mmCIF file of all heavy atoms, coordinates in Angstrom:
data_MODEL
# 
_entry.id   MODEL 
# 
loop_
_atom_site.group_PDB 
_atom_site.id 
_atom_site.type_symbol 
_atom_site.label_atom_id 
_atom_site.label_alt_id 
_atom_site.label_comp_id 
_atom_site.label_asym_id 
_atom_site.label_entity_id 
_atom_site.label_seq_id 
_atom_site.pdbx_PDB_ins_code 
_atom_site.Cartn_x 
_atom_site.Cartn_y 
_atom_site.Cartn_z 
_atom_site.occupancy 
_atom_site.B_iso_or_equiv 
_atom_site.pdbx_formal_charge 
_atom_site.auth_seq_id 
_atom_site.auth_comp_id 
_atom_site.auth_asym_id 
_atom_site.auth_atom_id 
_atom_site.pdbx_PDB_model_num 
ATOM 1   N N   . ILE A 1 1  ? 23.933  19.125  2.671  1.00 0.00 ? 1  ILE A N   1 
ATOM 2   C CA  . ILE A 1 1  ? 24.581  18.178  1.665  1.00 0.00 ? 1  ILE A CA  1 
ATOM 3   C C   . ILE A 1 1  ? 24.339  18.648  0.269  1.00 0.00 ? 1  ILE A C   1 
ATOM 4   O O   . ILE A 1 1  ? 23.205  18.841  -0.046 1.00 0.00 ? 1  ILE A O   1 
ATOM 5   C CB  . ILE A 1 1  ? 24.134  16.651  1.961  1.00 0.00 ? 1  ILE A CB  1 
ATOM 6   C CG1 . ILE A 1 1  ? 24.283  16.224  3.420  1.00 0.00 ? 1  ILE A CG1 1 
ATOM 7   C CG2 . ILE A 1 1  ? 24.713  15.725  0.941  1.00 0.00 ? 1  ILE A CG2 1 
ATOM 8   C CD1 . ILE A 1 1  ? 23.674  14.932  3.642  1.00 0.00 ? 1  ILE A CD1 1 
ATOM 9   N N   . GLN A 1 2  ? 25.408  18.664  -0.476 1.00 0.00 ? 2  GLN A N   1 
ATOM 10  C CA  . GLN A 1 2  ? 25.115  19.110  -1.881 1.00 0.00 ? 2  GLN A CA  1 
ATOM 11  C C   . GLN A 1 2  ? 26.125  18.349  -2.808 1.00 0.00 ? 2  GLN A C   1 
ATOM 12  O O   . GLN A 1 2  ? 27.237  18.220  -2.440 1.00 0.00 ? 2  GLN A O   1 
ATOM 13  C CB  . GLN A 1 2  ? 25.481  20.604  -2.255 1.00 0.00 ? 2  GLN A CB  1 
ATOM 14  C CG  . GLN A 1 2  ? 24.542  21.615  -1.467 1.00 0.00 ? 2  GLN A CG  1 
ATOM 15  C CD  . GLN A 1 2  ? 24.990  23.043  -1.487 1.00 0.00 ? 2  GLN A CD  1 
ATOM 16  O OE1 . GLN A 1 2  ? 26.187  23.280  -1.376 1.00 0.00 ? 2  GLN A OE1 1 
ATOM 17  N NE2 . GLN A 1 2  ? 23.998  23.845  -1.692 1.00 0.00 ? 2  GLN A NE2 1 
ATOM 18  N N   . GLY A 1 3  ? 25.456  17.752  -3.786 1.00 0.00 ? 3  GLY A N   1 
ATOM 19  C CA  . GLY A 1 3  ? 26.336  16.769  -4.637 1.00 0.00 ? 3  GLY A CA  1 
ATOM 20  C C   . GLY A 1 3  ? 26.766  15.513  -3.985 1.00 0.00 ? 3  GLY A C   1 
ATOM 21  O O   . GLY A 1 3  ? 27.696  14.824  -4.368 1.00 0.00 ? 3  GLY A O   1 
ATOM 22  N N   . GLY A 1 4  ? 25.905  15.210  -2.823 1.00 0.00 ? 4  GLY A N   1 
ATOM 23  C CA  . GLY A 1 4  ? 26.311  14.043  -2.110 1.00 0.00 ? 4  GLY A CA  1 
ATOM 24  C C   . GLY A 1 4  ? 27.469  14.309  -1.058 1.00 0.00 ? 4  GLY A C   1 
ATOM 25  O O   . GLY A 1 4  ? 27.847  13.361  -0.386 1.00 0.00 ? 4  GLY A O   1 
ATOM 26  N N   . ILE A 1 5  ? 27.977  15.478  -0.828 1.00 0.00 ? 5  ILE A N   1 
ATOM 27  C CA  . ILE A 1 5  ? 28.954  15.905  -0.015 1.00 0.00 ? 5  ILE A CA  1 
ATOM 28  C C   . ILE A 1 5  ? 28.610  16.862  0.987  1.00 0.00 ? 5  ILE A C   1 
ATOM 29  O O   . ILE A 1 5  ? 27.882  17.844  0.619  1.00 0.00 ? 5  ILE A O   1 
ATOM 30  C CB  . ILE A 1 5  ? 30.238  16.477  -0.799 1.00 0.00 ? 5  ILE A CB  1 
ATOM 31  C CG1 . ILE A 1 5  ? 30.634  15.297  -1.819 1.00 0.00 ? 5  ILE A CG1 1 
ATOM 32  C CG2 . ILE A 1 5  ? 31.411  16.813  0.094  1.00 0.00 ? 5  ILE A CG2 1 
ATOM 33  C CD1 . ILE A 1 5  ? 31.711  15.753  -2.806 1.00 0.00 ? 5  ILE A CD1 1 
ATOM 34  N N   . SER A 1 6  ? 29.019  16.764  2.170  1.00 0.00 ? 6  SER A N   1 
ATOM 35  C CA  . SER A 1 6  ? 28.768  17.803  3.297  1.00 0.00 ? 6  SER A CA  1 
ATOM 36  C C   . SER A 1 6  ? 29.238  19.222  2.992  1.00 0.00 ? 6  SER A C   1 
ATOM 37  O O   . SER A 1 6  ? 30.314  19.251  2.449  1.00 0.00 ? 6  SER A O   1 
ATOM 38  C CB  . SER A 1 6  ? 29.062  17.479  4.639  1.00 0.00 ? 6  SER A CB  1 
ATOM 39  O OG  . SER A 1 6  ? 30.494  17.187  4.723  1.00 0.00 ? 6  SER A OG  1 
ATOM 40  N N   . ASN A 1 7  ? 28.439  20.168  3.183  1.00 0.00 ? 7  ASN A N   1 
ATOM 41  C CA  . ASN A 1 7  ? 28.809  21.599  2.767  1.00 0.00 ? 7  ASN A CA  1 
ATOM 42  C C   . ASN A 1 7  ? 29.179  22.421  4.088  1.00 0.00 ? 7  ASN A C   1 
ATOM 43  O O   . ASN A 1 7  ? 29.514  23.556  3.921  1.00 0.00 ? 7  ASN A O   1 
ATOM 44  C CB  . ASN A 1 7  ? 27.811  22.295  1.857  1.00 0.00 ? 7  ASN A CB  1 
ATOM 45  C CG  . ASN A 1 7  ? 26.592  22.558  2.549  1.00 0.00 ? 7  ASN A CG  1 
ATOM 46  O OD1 . ASN A 1 7  ? 26.424  22.289  3.817  1.00 0.00 ? 7  ASN A OD1 1 
ATOM 47  N ND2 . ASN A 1 7  ? 25.641  23.067  1.796  1.00 0.00 ? 7  ASN A ND2 1 
ATOM 48  N N   . GLY A 1 8  ? 29.239  21.845  5.156  1.00 0.00 ? 8  GLY A N   1 
ATOM 49  C CA  . GLY A 1 8  ? 29.538  22.447  6.413  1.00 0.00 ? 8  GLY A CA  1 
ATOM 50  C C   . GLY A 1 8  ? 28.300  23.031  7.162  1.00 0.00 ? 8  GLY A C   1 
ATOM 51  O O   . GLY A 1 8  ? 28.459  23.497  8.373  1.00 0.00 ? 8  GLY A O   1 
ATOM 52  N N   . LYS A 1 9  ? 27.135  23.111  6.619  1.00 0.00 ? 9  LYS A N   1 
ATOM 53  C CA  . LYS A 1 9  ? 25.935  23.443  7.363  1.00 0.00 ? 9  LYS A CA  1 
ATOM 54  C C   . LYS A 1 9  ? 25.377  22.302  8.109  1.00 0.00 ? 9  LYS A C   1 
ATOM 55  O O   . LYS A 1 9  ? 25.803  21.227  7.825  1.00 0.00 ? 9  LYS A O   1 
ATOM 56  C CB  . LYS A 1 9  ? 24.868  24.054  6.260  1.00 0.00 ? 9  LYS A CB  1 
ATOM 57  C CG  . LYS A 1 9  ? 25.314  25.265  5.446  1.00 0.00 ? 9  LYS A CG  1 
ATOM 58  C CD  . LYS A 1 9  ? 25.230  26.468  6.217  1.00 0.00 ? 9  LYS A CD  1 
ATOM 59  C CE  . LYS A 1 9  ? 23.885  27.013  6.360  1.00 0.00 ? 9  LYS A CE  1 
ATOM 60  N NZ  . LYS A 1 9  ? 23.895  28.336  7.003  1.00 0.00 ? 9  LYS A NZ  1 
ATOM 61  N N   . ASP A 1 10 ? 24.477  22.602  9.040  1.00 0.00 ? 10 ASP A N   1 
ATOM 62  C CA  . ASP A 1 10 ? 23.792  21.578  9.713  1.00 0.00 ? 10 ASP A CA  1 
ATOM 63  C C   . ASP A 1 10 ? 23.168  20.442  8.782  1.00 0.00 ? 10 ASP A C   1 
ATOM 64  O O   . ASP A 1 10 ? 22.428  20.911  7.775  1.00 0.00 ? 10 ASP A O   1 
ATOM 65  C CB  . ASP A 1 10 ? 22.773  22.137  10.695 1.00 0.00 ? 10 ASP A CB  1 
ATOM 66  C CG  . ASP A 1 10 ? 23.197  22.943  11.798 1.00 0.00 ? 10 ASP A CG  1 
ATOM 67  O OD1 . ASP A 1 10 ? 24.478  22.931  12.044 1.00 0.00 ? 10 ASP A OD1 1 
ATOM 68  O OD2 . ASP A 1 10 ? 22.485  23.409  12.419 1.00 0.00 ? 10 ASP A OD2 1 
ATOM 69  N N   . ILE A 1 11 ? 23.405  19.292  9.073  1.00 0.00 ? 11 ILE A N   1 
ATOM 70  C CA  . ILE A 1 11 ? 22.744  18.192  8.225  1.00 0.00 ? 11 ILE A CA  1 
ATOM 71  C C   . ILE A 1 11 ? 21.460  18.027  9.057  1.00 0.00 ? 11 ILE A C   1 
ATOM 72  O O   . ILE A 1 11 ? 21.416  17.688  10.203 1.00 0.00 ? 11 ILE A O   1 
ATOM 73  C CB  . ILE A 1 11 ? 23.571  16.915  8.101  1.00 0.00 ? 11 ILE A CB  1 
ATOM 74  C CG1 . ILE A 1 11 ? 24.743  17.238  7.173  1.00 0.00 ? 11 ILE A CG1 1 
ATOM 75  C CG2 . ILE A 1 11 ? 22.712  15.642  7.698  1.00 0.00 ? 11 ILE A CG2 1 
ATOM 76  C CD1 . ILE A 1 11 ? 25.819  16.025  7.233  1.00 0.00 ? 11 ILE A CD1 1 
ATOM 77  N N   . PHE A 1 12 ? 20.369  17.882  8.307  1.00 0.00 ? 12 PHE A N   1 
ATOM 78  C CA  . PHE A 1 12 ? 19.086  17.665  9.033  1.00 0.00 ? 12 PHE A CA  1 
ATOM 79  C C   . PHE A 1 12 ? 18.159  16.767  8.153  1.00 0.00 ? 12 PHE A C   1 
ATOM 80  O O   . PHE A 1 12 ? 18.198  16.904  6.835  1.00 0.00 ? 12 PHE A O   1 
ATOM 81  C CB  . PHE A 1 12 ? 18.271  18.781  9.510  1.00 0.00 ? 12 PHE A CB  1 
ATOM 82  C CG  . PHE A 1 12 ? 17.764  19.826  8.408  1.00 0.00 ? 12 PHE A CG  1 
ATOM 83  C CD1 . PHE A 1 12 ? 16.613  19.562  7.901  1.00 0.00 ? 12 PHE A CD1 1 
ATOM 84  C CD2 . PHE A 1 12 ? 18.497  20.683  7.876  1.00 0.00 ? 12 PHE A CD2 1 
ATOM 85  C CE1 . PHE A 1 12 ? 15.883  20.463  6.892  1.00 0.00 ? 12 PHE A CE1 1 
ATOM 86  C CE2 . PHE A 1 12 ? 18.125  21.601  6.907  1.00 0.00 ? 12 PHE A CE2 1 
ATOM 87  C CZ  . PHE A 1 12 ? 16.739  21.416  6.402  1.00 0.00 ? 12 PHE A CZ  1 
ATOM 88  N N   . PHE A 1 13 ? 17.510  15.789  8.819  1.00 0.00 ? 13 PHE A N   1 
ATOM 89  C CA  . PHE A 1 13 ? 16.577  14.895  7.865  1.00 0.00 ? 13 PHE A CA  1 
ATOM 90  C C   . PHE A 1 13 ? 15.606  14.287  8.775  1.00 0.00 ? 13 PHE A C   1 
ATOM 91  O O   . PHE A 1 13 ? 15.560  14.498  10.012 1.00 0.00 ? 13 PHE A O   1 
ATOM 92  C CB  . PHE A 1 13 ? 17.534  13.587  7.455  1.00 0.00 ? 13 PHE A CB  1 
ATOM 93  C CG  . PHE A 1 13 ? 18.188  12.789  8.464  1.00 0.00 ? 13 PHE A CG  1 
ATOM 94  C CD1 . PHE A 1 13 ? 17.638  11.812  9.135  1.00 0.00 ? 13 PHE A CD1 1 
ATOM 95  C CD2 . PHE A 1 13 ? 19.562  13.097  8.811  1.00 0.00 ? 13 PHE A CD2 1 
ATOM 96  C CE1 . PHE A 1 13 ? 18.256  11.140  10.194 1.00 0.00 ? 13 PHE A CE1 1 
ATOM 97  C CE2 . PHE A 1 13 ? 20.217  12.378  9.784  1.00 0.00 ? 13 PHE A CE2 1 
ATOM 98  C CZ  . PHE A 1 13 ? 19.586  11.300  10.476 1.00 0.00 ? 13 PHE A CZ  1 
ATOM 99  N N   . LYS A 1 14 ? 14.463  13.738  8.156  1.00 0.00 ? 14 LYS A N   1 
ATOM 100 C CA  . LYS A 1 14 ? 13.417  13.186  8.776  1.00 0.00 ? 14 LYS A CA  1 
ATOM 101 C C   . LYS A 1 14 ? 13.138  11.753  8.532  1.00 0.00 ? 14 LYS A C   1 
ATOM 102 O O   . LYS A 1 14 ? 13.426  11.446  7.263  1.00 0.00 ? 14 LYS A O   1 
ATOM 103 C CB  . LYS A 1 14 ? 12.106  14.032  8.465  1.00 0.00 ? 14 LYS A CB  1 
ATOM 104 C CG  . LYS A 1 14 ? 10.861  13.727  9.194  1.00 0.00 ? 14 LYS A CG  1 
ATOM 105 C CD  . LYS A 1 14 ? 9.678   14.366  8.692  1.00 0.00 ? 14 LYS A CD  1 
ATOM 106 C CE  . LYS A 1 14 ? 9.712   15.920  8.820  1.00 0.00 ? 14 LYS A CE  1 
ATOM 107 N NZ  . LYS A 1 14 ? 8.388   16.637  8.371  1.00 0.00 ? 14 LYS A NZ  1 
ATOM 108 N N   . VAL A 1 15 ? 12.711  10.952  9.461  1.00 0.00 ? 15 VAL A N   1 
ATOM 109 C CA  . VAL A 1 15 ? 12.528  9.548   9.325  1.00 0.00 ? 15 VAL A CA  1 
ATOM 110 C C   . VAL A 1 15 ? 11.100  9.214   9.606  1.00 0.00 ? 15 VAL A C   1 
ATOM 111 O O   . VAL A 1 15 ? 10.628  9.618   10.779 1.00 0.00 ? 15 VAL A O   1 
ATOM 112 C CB  . VAL A 1 15 ? 13.425  8.630   10.165 1.00 0.00 ? 15 VAL A CB  1 
ATOM 113 C CG1 . VAL A 1 15 ? 13.420  7.197   9.772  1.00 0.00 ? 15 VAL A CG1 1 
ATOM 114 C CG2 . VAL A 1 15 ? 14.978  9.163   10.080 1.00 0.00 ? 15 VAL A CG2 1 
ATOM 115 N N   . ALA A 1 16 ? 10.459  8.413   8.816  1.00 0.00 ? 16 ALA A N   1 
ATOM 116 C CA  . ALA A 1 16 ? 8.949   8.147   9.200  1.00 0.00 ? 16 ALA A CA  1 
ATOM 117 C C   . ALA A 1 16 ? 8.918   6.606   9.482  1.00 0.00 ? 16 ALA A C   1 
ATOM 118 O O   . ALA A 1 16 ? 9.551   5.737   8.766  1.00 0.00 ? 16 ALA A O   1 
ATOM 119 C CB  . ALA A 1 16 ? 8.257   8.288   7.871  1.00 0.00 ? 16 ALA A CB  1 
ATOM 120 N N   . PHE A 1 17 ? 8.109   6.434   10.562 1.00 0.00 ? 17 PHE A N   1 
ATOM 121 C CA  . PHE A 1 17 ? 8.078   5.162   11.221 1.00 0.00 ? 17 PHE A CA  1 
ATOM 122 C C   . PHE A 1 17 ? 6.499   4.618   11.028 1.00 0.00 ? 17 PHE A C   1 
ATOM 123 O O   . PHE A 1 17 ? 5.560   5.408   11.358 1.00 0.00 ? 17 PHE A O   1 
ATOM 124 C CB  . PHE A 1 17 ? 8.371   5.145   12.647 1.00 0.00 ? 17 PHE A CB  1 
ATOM 125 C CG  . PHE A 1 17 ? 9.750   5.258   12.914 1.00 0.00 ? 17 PHE A CG  1 
ATOM 126 C CD1 . PHE A 1 17 ? 10.521  6.293   12.917 1.00 0.00 ? 17 PHE A CD1 1 
ATOM 127 C CD2 . PHE A 1 17 ? 10.523  3.996   13.331 1.00 0.00 ? 17 PHE A CD2 1 
ATOM 128 C CE1 . PHE A 1 17 ? 11.770  6.371   13.183 1.00 0.00 ? 17 PHE A CE1 1 
ATOM 129 C CE2 . PHE A 1 17 ? 11.834  4.110   13.660 1.00 0.00 ? 17 PHE A CE2 1 
ATOM 130 C CZ  . PHE A 1 17 ? 12.479  5.223   13.492 1.00 0.00 ? 17 PHE A CZ  1 
ATOM 131 N N   . LYS A 1 18 ? 6.227   3.518   10.614 1.00 0.00 ? 18 LYS A N   1 
ATOM 132 C CA  . LYS A 1 18 ? 4.975   2.913   10.537 1.00 0.00 ? 18 LYS A CA  1 
ATOM 133 C C   . LYS A 1 18 ? 4.316   2.513   11.905 1.00 0.00 ? 18 LYS A C   1 
ATOM 134 O O   . LYS A 1 18 ? 5.135   2.566   12.804 1.00 0.00 ? 18 LYS A O   1 
ATOM 135 C CB  . LYS A 1 18 ? 4.955   1.624   9.629  1.00 0.00 ? 18 LYS A CB  1 
ATOM 136 C CG  . LYS A 1 18 ? 5.474   0.415   10.344 1.00 0.00 ? 18 LYS A CG  1 
ATOM 137 C CD  . LYS A 1 18 ? 5.373   -0.856  9.491  1.00 0.00 ? 18 LYS A CD  1 
ATOM 138 C CE  . LYS A 1 18 ? 5.950   -2.021  10.183 1.00 0.00 ? 18 LYS A CE  1 
ATOM 139 N NZ  . LYS A 1 18 ? 5.955   -3.352  9.376  1.00 0.00 ? 18 LYS A NZ  1 
ATOM 140 N N   . PRO A 1 19 ? 2.996   2.462   11.984 1.00 0.00 ? 19 PRO A N   1 
ATOM 141 C CA  . PRO A 1 19 ? 2.444   1.953   13.244 1.00 0.00 ? 19 PRO A CA  1 
ATOM 142 C C   . PRO A 1 19 ? 2.968   0.555   13.563 1.00 0.00 ? 19 PRO A C   1 
ATOM 143 O O   . PRO A 1 19 ? 3.260   -0.206  12.693 1.00 0.00 ? 19 PRO A O   1 
ATOM 144 C CB  . PRO A 1 19 ? 0.945   1.926   12.920 1.00 0.00 ? 19 PRO A CB  1 
ATOM 145 C CG  . PRO A 1 19 ? 0.706   2.704   11.744 1.00 0.00 ? 19 PRO A CG  1 
ATOM 146 C CD  . PRO A 1 19 ? 2.039   2.689   10.913 1.00 0.00 ? 19 PRO A CD  1 
ATOM 147 N N   . VAL A 1 20 ? 3.176   0.258   14.903 1.00 0.00 ? 20 VAL A N   1 
ATOM 148 C CA  . VAL A 1 20 ? 3.547   -1.090  15.357 1.00 0.00 ? 20 VAL A CA  1 
ATOM 149 C C   . VAL A 1 20 ? 2.458   -2.043  14.765 1.00 0.00 ? 20 VAL A C   1 
ATOM 150 O O   . VAL A 1 20 ? 1.304   -1.889  14.838 1.00 0.00 ? 20 VAL A O   1 
ATOM 151 C CB  . VAL A 1 20 ? 3.538   -1.184  16.849 1.00 0.00 ? 20 VAL A CB  1 
ATOM 152 C CG1 . VAL A 1 20 ? 3.901   -2.549  17.265 1.00 0.00 ? 20 VAL A CG1 1 
ATOM 153 C CG2 . VAL A 1 20 ? 4.605   -0.105  17.356 1.00 0.00 ? 20 VAL A CG2 1 
ATOM 154 N N   . PRO A 1 21 ? 2.974   -3.196  13.982 1.00 0.00 ? 21 PRO A N   1 
ATOM 155 C CA  . PRO A 1 21 ? 2.012   -4.040  13.403 1.00 0.00 ? 21 PRO A CA  1 
ATOM 156 C C   . PRO A 1 21 ? 1.206   -4.916  14.303 1.00 0.00 ? 21 PRO A C   1 
ATOM 157 O O   . PRO A 1 21 ? 0.122   -5.531  13.960 1.00 0.00 ? 21 PRO A O   1 
ATOM 158 C CB  . PRO A 1 21 ? 2.840   -4.791  12.417 1.00 0.00 ? 21 PRO A CB  1 
ATOM 159 C CG  . PRO A 1 21 ? 4.167   -4.736  12.843 1.00 0.00 ? 21 PRO A CG  1 
ATOM 160 C CD  . PRO A 1 21 ? 4.249   -3.517  13.642 1.00 0.00 ? 21 PRO A CD  1 
ATOM 161 N N   . THR A 1 22 ? 1.678   -5.295  15.479 1.00 0.00 ? 22 THR A N   1 
ATOM 162 C CA  . THR A 1 22 ? 0.949   -6.012  16.471 1.00 0.00 ? 22 THR A CA  1 
ATOM 163 C C   . THR A 1 22 ? -0.072  -5.146  17.122 1.00 0.00 ? 22 THR A C   1 
ATOM 164 O O   . THR A 1 22 ? 0.179   -4.270  17.939 1.00 0.00 ? 22 THR A O   1 
ATOM 165 C CB  . THR A 1 22 ? 1.987   -6.654  17.533 1.00 0.00 ? 22 THR A CB  1 
ATOM 166 O OG1 . THR A 1 22 ? 3.040   -7.435  16.859 1.00 0.00 ? 22 THR A OG1 1 
ATOM 167 C CG2 . THR A 1 22 ? 1.116   -7.456  18.621 1.00 0.00 ? 22 THR A CG2 1 
ATOM 168 N N   . ILE A 1 23 ? -1.340  -5.536  16.786 1.00 0.00 ? 23 ILE A N   1 
ATOM 169 C CA  . ILE A 1 23 ? -2.450  -4.755  17.337 1.00 0.00 ? 23 ILE A CA  1 
ATOM 170 C C   . ILE A 1 23 ? -3.306  -5.701  18.218 1.00 0.00 ? 23 ILE A C   1 
ATOM 171 O O   . ILE A 1 23 ? -3.404  -6.934  17.946 1.00 0.00 ? 23 ILE A O   1 
ATOM 172 C CB  . ILE A 1 23 ? -3.217  -4.076  16.304 1.00 0.00 ? 23 ILE A CB  1 
ATOM 173 C CG1 . ILE A 1 23 ? -3.866  -5.005  15.286 1.00 0.00 ? 23 ILE A CG1 1 
ATOM 174 C CG2 . ILE A 1 23 ? -2.303  -2.995  15.610 1.00 0.00 ? 23 ILE A CG2 1 
ATOM 175 C CD1 . ILE A 1 23 ? -4.673  -4.257  14.289 1.00 0.00 ? 23 ILE A CD1 1 
ATOM 176 N N   . MET A 1 24 ? -4.122  -5.118  19.129 1.00 0.00 ? 24 MET A N   1 
ATOM 177 C CA  . MET A 1 24 ? -4.891  -5.981  19.935 1.00 0.00 ? 24 MET A CA  1 
ATOM 178 C C   . MET A 1 24 ? -6.398  -6.023  19.380 1.00 0.00 ? 24 MET A C   1 
ATOM 179 O O   . MET A 1 24 ? -7.340  -5.908  20.152 1.00 0.00 ? 24 MET A O   1 
ATOM 180 C CB  . MET A 1 24 ? -4.905  -5.395  21.438 1.00 0.00 ? 24 MET A CB  1 
ATOM 181 C CG  . MET A 1 24 ? -3.624  -5.287  22.026 1.00 0.00 ? 24 MET A CG  1 
ATOM 182 S SD  . MET A 1 24 ? -2.896  -6.936  22.008 1.00 0.00 ? 24 MET A SD  1 
ATOM 183 C CE  . MET A 1 24 ? -1.070  -6.524  22.408 1.00 0.00 ? 24 MET A CE  1 
ATOM 184 N N   . LYS A 1 25 ? -6.506  -6.173  18.074 1.00 0.00 ? 25 LYS A N   1 
ATOM 185 C CA  . LYS A 1 25 ? -7.679  -6.483  17.293 1.00 0.00 ? 25 LYS A CA  1 
ATOM 186 C C   . LYS A 1 25 ? -7.486  -7.691  16.517 1.00 0.00 ? 25 LYS A C   1 
ATOM 187 O O   . LYS A 1 25 ? -6.423  -8.041  16.245 1.00 0.00 ? 25 LYS A O   1 
ATOM 188 C CB  . LYS A 1 25 ? -8.051  -5.277  16.443 1.00 0.00 ? 25 LYS A CB  1 
ATOM 189 C CG  . LYS A 1 25 ? -8.289  -3.881  17.053 1.00 0.00 ? 25 LYS A CG  1 
ATOM 190 C CD  . LYS A 1 25 ? -8.607  -2.801  16.030 1.00 0.00 ? 25 LYS A CD  1 
ATOM 191 C CE  . LYS A 1 25 ? -9.084  -1.529  16.689 1.00 0.00 ? 25 LYS A CE  1 
ATOM 192 N NZ  . LYS A 1 25 ? -9.574  -0.632  15.684 1.00 0.00 ? 25 LYS A NZ  1 
ATOM 193 N N   . THR A 1 26 ? -8.701  -8.279  16.242 1.00 0.00 ? 26 THR A N   1 
ATOM 194 C CA  . THR A 1 26 ? -8.620  -9.528  15.418 1.00 0.00 ? 26 THR A CA  1 
ATOM 195 C C   . THR A 1 26 ? -8.484  -9.157  13.971 1.00 0.00 ? 26 THR A C   1 
ATOM 196 O O   . THR A 1 26 ? -8.935  -8.091  13.505 1.00 0.00 ? 26 THR A O   1 
ATOM 197 C CB  . THR A 1 26 ? -9.840  -10.377 15.582 1.00 0.00 ? 26 THR A CB  1 
ATOM 198 O OG1 . THR A 1 26 ? -11.021 -9.452  15.193 1.00 0.00 ? 26 THR A OG1 1 
ATOM 199 C CG2 . THR A 1 26 ? -10.117 -10.835 16.943 1.00 0.00 ? 26 THR A CG2 1 
ATOM 200 N N   . GLN A 1 27 ? -7.656  -9.882  13.297 1.00 0.00 ? 27 GLN A N   1 
ATOM 201 C CA  . GLN A 1 27 ? -7.235  -9.757  11.893 1.00 0.00 ? 27 GLN A CA  1 
ATOM 202 C C   . GLN A 1 27 ? -7.366  -11.116 11.135 1.00 0.00 ? 27 GLN A C   1 
ATOM 203 O O   . GLN A 1 27 ? -6.952  -12.136 11.831 1.00 0.00 ? 27 GLN A O   1 
ATOM 204 C CB  . GLN A 1 27 ? -5.972  -9.092  11.676 1.00 0.00 ? 27 GLN A CB  1 
ATOM 205 C CG  . GLN A 1 27 ? -5.729  -7.740  12.332 1.00 0.00 ? 27 GLN A CG  1 
ATOM 206 C CD  . GLN A 1 27 ? -4.480  -7.189  12.069 1.00 0.00 ? 27 GLN A CD  1 
ATOM 207 O OE1 . GLN A 1 27 ? -4.042  -6.466  11.168 1.00 0.00 ? 27 GLN A OE1 1 
ATOM 208 N NE2 . GLN A 1 27 ? -3.522  -7.558  13.106 1.00 0.00 ? 27 GLN A NE2 1 
# 
């Protein structure tokens, strides 16, 4: 993607996920 427009090459990206907030510890 260049200038917000696809240029014909493979589009690749990465997405980060947080840890699941429900834990089996007291909080």
